[in-house]
Protein backbone atom coordinates (compact mmCIF):
# COMPACT_ATOMS: atom_id res chain seq x y z
CA MET A 1 0.00 0.00 0.00
CA SER A 2 1.31 3.37 -0.82
CA THR A 3 1.67 6.05 1.81
CA GLU A 4 -1.26 7.83 0.19
CA ASP A 5 -3.46 4.74 0.51
CA LYS A 6 -2.46 4.34 4.16
CA MET A 7 -3.35 7.98 4.81
CA LYS A 8 -6.73 7.54 3.13
CA ALA A 9 -7.46 4.47 5.25
CA THR A 10 -6.47 6.36 8.40
CA ALA A 11 -8.67 9.29 7.37
CA LYS A 12 -11.58 6.89 6.77
CA ASN A 13 -11.04 5.44 10.25
CA ILE A 14 -11.04 8.92 11.86
CA GLU A 15 -14.14 9.87 9.88
CA GLY A 16 -15.85 6.71 11.10
CA LYS A 17 -14.92 7.38 14.73
CA ALA A 18 -16.23 10.92 14.47
CA GLN A 19 -19.49 9.76 12.88
CA GLU A 20 -19.93 7.05 15.50
CA ALA A 21 -19.33 9.61 18.28
CA MET A 22 -21.90 11.96 16.74
CA GLY A 23 -24.38 9.10 16.67
CA GLU A 24 -23.70 8.48 20.36
CA ILE A 25 -24.16 12.17 21.21
CA THR A 26 -27.28 12.71 19.10
CA GLY A 27 -28.76 9.27 19.73
CA ASP A 28 -28.84 8.56 15.98
CA PRO A 29 -28.27 4.81 15.59
CA GLU A 30 -27.80 5.15 11.81
CA ASP A 31 -24.81 7.47 12.28
CA LYS A 32 -23.37 5.05 14.83
CA ILE A 33 -23.68 2.11 12.43
CA GLU A 34 -22.29 4.03 9.46
CA GLY A 35 -19.37 5.21 11.58
CA LYS A 36 -18.55 1.67 12.66
CA ALA A 37 -18.81 0.50 9.05
CA LYS A 38 -16.28 3.13 7.95
CA GLN A 39 -13.92 2.03 10.71
CA SER A 40 -14.25 -1.59 9.59
CA GLU A 41 -13.51 -0.61 5.99
CA ALA A 42 -10.40 1.25 7.14
CA ASN A 43 -9.23 -1.77 9.15
CA VAL A 44 -9.59 -4.02 6.10
CA ARG A 45 -7.65 -1.57 3.95
CA HIS A 46 -4.84 -1.44 6.51
CA SER A 47 -4.73 -5.24 6.75
CA VAL A 48 -4.44 -5.60 2.99
CA GLU A 49 -1.66 -3.04 2.81
CA ASN A 50 0.22 -4.60 5.72
CA ARG A 51 0.23 -7.92 3.87
CA LYS A 52 1.64 -6.20 0.81
CA ASP A 53 4.33 -4.62 2.97
CA ASP A 54 5.15 -8.05 4.45
CA SER A 55 5.48 -9.48 0.95
CA MET A 56 7.94 -6.76 -0.03
CA GLU A 57 9.95 -7.32 3.14
CA ASN A 58 10.09 -11.06 2.43
CA ARG A 59 11.26 -10.41 -1.13
CA ILE A 60 14.01 -8.10 0.13
CA LYS A 61 15.16 -10.76 2.60
CA ALA A 62 15.17 -13.37 -0.18
CA THR A 63 17.23 -11.10 -2.42
CA ALA A 64 19.71 -10.50 0.41
CA LYS A 65 19.95 -14.27 0.99
CA ASN A 66 20.63 -14.76 -2.74
CA ILE A 67 23.41 -12.16 -2.72
CA GLU A 68 24.91 -13.71 0.43
CA GLY A 69 24.83 -17.13 -1.22
CA LYS A 70 26.41 -15.91 -4.44
CA ALA A 71 29.20 -14.21 -2.50
CA GLN A 72 29.81 -17.37 -0.46
CA GLU A 73 29.84 -19.50 -3.61
CA VAL A 74 32.38 -17.20 -5.26
CA MET A 75 34.57 -17.24 -2.14
CA GLY A 76 34.42 -21.03 -2.19
CA GLU A 77 35.55 -21.01 -5.82
CA ILE A 78 38.37 -18.56 -5.11
CA THR A 79 39.62 -20.38 -2.01
CA GLY A 80 38.93 -23.85 -3.37
CA ASP A 81 36.63 -24.63 -0.43
CA PRO A 82 33.88 -26.96 -1.71
CA LYS A 83 31.90 -26.57 1.53
CA ASP A 84 31.62 -22.78 1.11
CA LYS A 85 30.73 -23.24 -2.54
CA ALA A 86 27.97 -25.74 -1.71
CA GLU A 87 26.58 -23.66 1.17
CA GLY A 88 26.50 -20.62 -1.10
CA LYS A 89 24.54 -22.50 -3.74
CA ALA A 90 22.14 -23.78 -1.07
CA LYS A 91 21.46 -20.21 0.08
CA GLN A 92 20.70 -19.21 -3.50
CA VAL A 93 18.23 -22.08 -3.83
CA GLU A 94 16.61 -21.02 -0.54
CA ALA A 95 16.24 -17.49 -1.92
CA GLN A 96 14.60 -18.81 -5.10
CA VAL A 97 12.14 -20.81 -3.01
CA ARG A 98 11.31 -17.74 -0.92
CA HIS A 99 10.64 -15.72 -4.08
CA SER A 100 8.46 -18.52 -5.45
CA VAL A 101 6.43 -18.59 -2.25
CA GLU A 102 5.83 -14.83 -2.51
CA ASN A 103 4.82 -15.24 -6.18
CA VAL A 104 2.22 -17.83 -5.20
CA LYS A 105 0.92 -15.60 -2.40
CA ASP A 106 0.63 -12.70 -4.86
CA LYS A 107 -1.37 -14.82 -7.31
CA PHE A 108 -3.86 -15.73 -4.61
CA ARG A 109 -4.09 -12.14 -3.35
CA ASN A 110 -4.81 -10.80 -6.83
CA LYS A 111 -7.73 -13.17 -7.50
């Protein structure tokens, strides 16, 4: 979620709280219900955006793991250490799996 979308969701939540409070003060149950509905909508928007943020964070971690693995593999090649080389390749595979998991999550989110 972009910062703008987060701000809009927060504004919707504040609007809902204000409308609910007005309903409480005036005794208007319709205002109370509409206010609560706006707050619920804002909560859903925030939840969706938080999941998107989590996905981006997971992708960044996977990319870092891939870079770490590539560096370790290259060091293994330079030093002739087959263990380092193998561990580096394993980290790269782990990173690819992490990216694949995020791709699958994205496909399900976008349906």
